[in-house]
Amino acid sequence: DDVLEYMTTACAMHDLNPKLITSGTGGWQYLDVVSNQGGKLESLEYVRTAFGVEVNRCVACGDSGNDVLMLAGKNKAIVV
């Protein structure tokens, strides 16, 4: 929580607006700093569209907090 608060403040001071995503538990905690205009969902949509794959034929799989945005997309989702 302290690191997330620090990063939020530091980004605001420099007029940055990234997605800050925390995940993990115990001694394994992570902070992902992702462009506000991109990320796993945007990448999935780009590749899906580029290859002409319909949304109903696409499944996103993820296992961590940094996958939440991708799993919340229009596509089906599996948490592993």
C-alpha atoms as a PDB file:
ATOM      1  CA  ASP A   1       0.000   0.000   0.000  1.00  0.00           C
ATOM      2  CA  ASP A   2       2.861   2.388   0.775  1.00  0.00           C
ATOM      3  CA  VAL A   3       4.513   1.717  -2.583  1.00  0.00           C
ATOM      4  CA  LEU A   4       1.216   2.155  -4.452  1.00  0.00           C
ATOM      5  CA  GLU A   5       0.559   5.446  -2.659  1.00  0.00           C
ATOM      6  CA  TYR A   6       4.118   6.625  -3.377  1.00  0.00           C
ATOM      7  CA  MET A   7       3.861   5.707  -7.069  1.00  0.00           C
ATOM      8  CA  THR A   8       0.441   7.348  -7.402  1.00  0.00           C
ATOM      9  CA  THR A   9       1.804  10.576  -5.925  1.00  0.00           C
ATOM     10  CA  ALA A  10       5.028  10.447  -7.960  1.00  0.00           C
ATOM     11  CA  CYS A  11       3.144   9.901 -11.215  1.00  0.00           C
ATOM     12  CA  ALA A  12       0.758  12.763 -10.454  1.00  0.00           C
ATOM     13  CA  MET A  13       3.689  15.086  -9.704  1.00  0.00           C
ATOM     14  CA  HIS A  14       5.076  14.371 -13.176  1.00  0.00           C
ATOM     15  CA  ASP A  15       1.699  14.606 -14.962  1.00  0.00           C
ATOM     16  CA  LEU A  16       1.710  10.872 -15.688  1.00  0.00           C
ATOM     17  CA  ASN A  17      -1.485   8.847 -15.630  1.00  0.00           C
ATOM     18  CA  PRO A  18      -0.559   5.145 -15.912  1.00  0.00           C
ATOM     19  CA  LYS A  19      -2.608   2.175 -14.786  1.00  0.00           C
ATOM     20  CA  LEU A  20      -1.098   1.012 -11.480  1.00  0.00           C
ATOM     21  CA  ILE A  21      -2.026  -2.623 -10.858  1.00  0.00           C
ATOM     22  CA  THR A  22      -1.120  -4.524  -7.704  1.00  0.00           C
ATOM     23  CA  SER A  23      -1.125  -8.292  -7.359  1.00  0.00           C
ATOM     24  CA  GLY A  24       0.314 -11.065  -5.241  1.00  0.00           C
ATOM     25  CA  THR A  25       0.215 -11.924  -1.560  1.00  0.00           C
ATOM     26  CA  GLY A  26       2.658 -12.340   1.295  1.00  0.00           C
ATOM     27  CA  GLY A  27       6.266 -11.861   0.249  1.00  0.00           C
ATOM     28  CA  TRP A  28       5.338 -12.015  -3.435  1.00  0.00           C
ATOM     29  CA  GLN A  29       3.743  -8.664  -4.196  1.00  0.00           C
ATOM     30  CA  TYR A  30       4.008  -6.884  -7.504  1.00  0.00           C
ATOM     31  CA  LEU A  31       3.196  -3.493  -8.938  1.00  0.00           C
ATOM     32  CA  ASP A  32       2.646  -3.249 -12.682  1.00  0.00           C
ATOM     33  CA  VAL A  33       2.867   0.190 -14.264  1.00  0.00           C
ATOM     34  CA  VAL A  34       1.033   0.062 -17.582  1.00  0.00           C
ATOM     35  CA  SER A  35       0.344   2.742 -20.157  1.00  0.00           C
ATOM     36  CA  ASN A  36      -3.108   4.232 -19.709  1.00  0.00           C
ATOM     37  CA  GLN A  37      -3.601   3.757 -23.448  1.00  0.00           C
ATOM     38  CA  GLY A  38      -2.505   0.150 -23.604  1.00  0.00           C
ATOM     39  CA  GLY A  39      -2.204  -3.097 -21.736  1.00  0.00           C
ATOM     40  CA  LYS A  40      -3.143  -6.739 -22.012  1.00  0.00           C
ATOM     41  CA  LEU A  41      -6.756  -6.122 -23.034  1.00  0.00           C
ATOM     42  CA  GLU A  42      -5.743  -3.650 -25.726  1.00  0.00           C
ATOM     43  CA  SER A  43      -3.081  -6.088 -26.957  1.00  0.00           C
ATOM     44  CA  LEU A  44      -5.587  -8.951 -27.021  1.00  0.00           C
ATOM     45  CA  GLU A  45      -8.065  -6.833 -28.989  1.00  0.00           C
ATOM     46  CA  TYR A  46      -5.364  -5.736 -31.440  1.00  0.00           C
ATOM     47  CA  VAL A  47      -4.214  -9.296 -32.187  1.00  0.00           C
ATOM     48  CA  ARG A  48      -7.795 -10.635 -32.282  1.00  0.00           C
ATOM     49  CA  THR A  49      -8.826  -7.948 -34.765  1.00  0.00           C
ATOM     50  CA  ALA A  50      -5.644  -8.280 -36.860  1.00  0.00           C
ATOM     51  CA  PHE A  51      -6.276 -12.015 -37.336  1.00  0.00           C
ATOM     52  CA  GLY A  52     -10.022 -11.638 -37.809  1.00  0.00           C
ATOM     53  CA  VAL A  53     -11.002 -13.693 -34.761  1.00  0.00           C
ATOM     54  CA  GLU A  54     -14.566 -13.075 -33.561  1.00  0.00           C
ATOM     55  CA  VAL A  55     -15.020 -12.105 -29.894  1.00  0.00           C
ATOM     56  CA  ASN A  56     -17.082 -15.243 -29.220  1.00  0.00           C
ATOM     57  CA  ARG A  57     -14.134 -17.386 -30.382  1.00  0.00           C
ATOM     58  CA  CYS A  58     -11.563 -15.677 -28.154  1.00  0.00           C
ATOM     59  CA  VAL A  59     -10.735 -16.560 -24.544  1.00  0.00           C
ATOM     60  CA  ALA A  60      -8.489 -14.591 -22.210  1.00  0.00           C
ATOM     61  CA  CYS A  61      -6.697 -16.526 -19.467  1.00  0.00           C
ATOM     62  CA  GLY A  62      -5.029 -14.984 -16.451  1.00  0.00           C
ATOM     63  CA  ASP A  63      -3.870 -15.787 -12.962  1.00  0.00           C
ATOM     64  CA  SER A  64      -3.127 -12.503 -11.257  1.00  0.00           C
ATOM     65  CA  GLY A  65      -4.297  -8.999 -10.495  1.00  0.00           C
ATOM     66  CA  ASN A  66      -2.431  -7.676 -13.493  1.00  0.00           C
ATOM     67  CA  ASP A  67      -4.823  -9.674 -15.694  1.00  0.00           C
ATOM     68  CA  VAL A  68      -8.049  -8.157 -14.309  1.00  0.00           C
ATOM     69  CA  LEU A  69      -8.500  -5.590 -17.082  1.00  0.00           C
ATOM     70  CA  MET A  70      -7.974  -8.225 -19.783  1.00  0.00           C
ATOM     71  CA  LEU A  71     -10.355 -10.658 -18.088  1.00  0.00           C
ATOM     72  CA  ALA A  72     -13.037  -7.954 -17.904  1.00  0.00           C
ATOM     73  CA  GLY A  73     -13.108  -7.471 -21.688  1.00  0.00           C
ATOM     74  CA  LYS A  74     -15.878  -8.529 -24.098  1.00  0.00           C
ATOM     75  CA  ASN A  75     -14.273 -11.941 -24.588  1.00  0.00           C
ATOM     76  CA  LYS A  76     -14.805 -15.018 -22.449  1.00  0.00           C
ATOM     77  CA  ALA A  77     -12.375 -15.291 -19.570  1.00  0.00           C
ATOM     78  CA  ILE A  78     -10.748 -18.051 -17.521  1.00  0.00           C
ATOM     79  CA  VAL A  79      -8.957 -17.486 -14.248  1.00  0.00           C
ATOM     80  CA  VAL A  80      -6.211 -20.082 -13.805  1.00  0.00           C
END
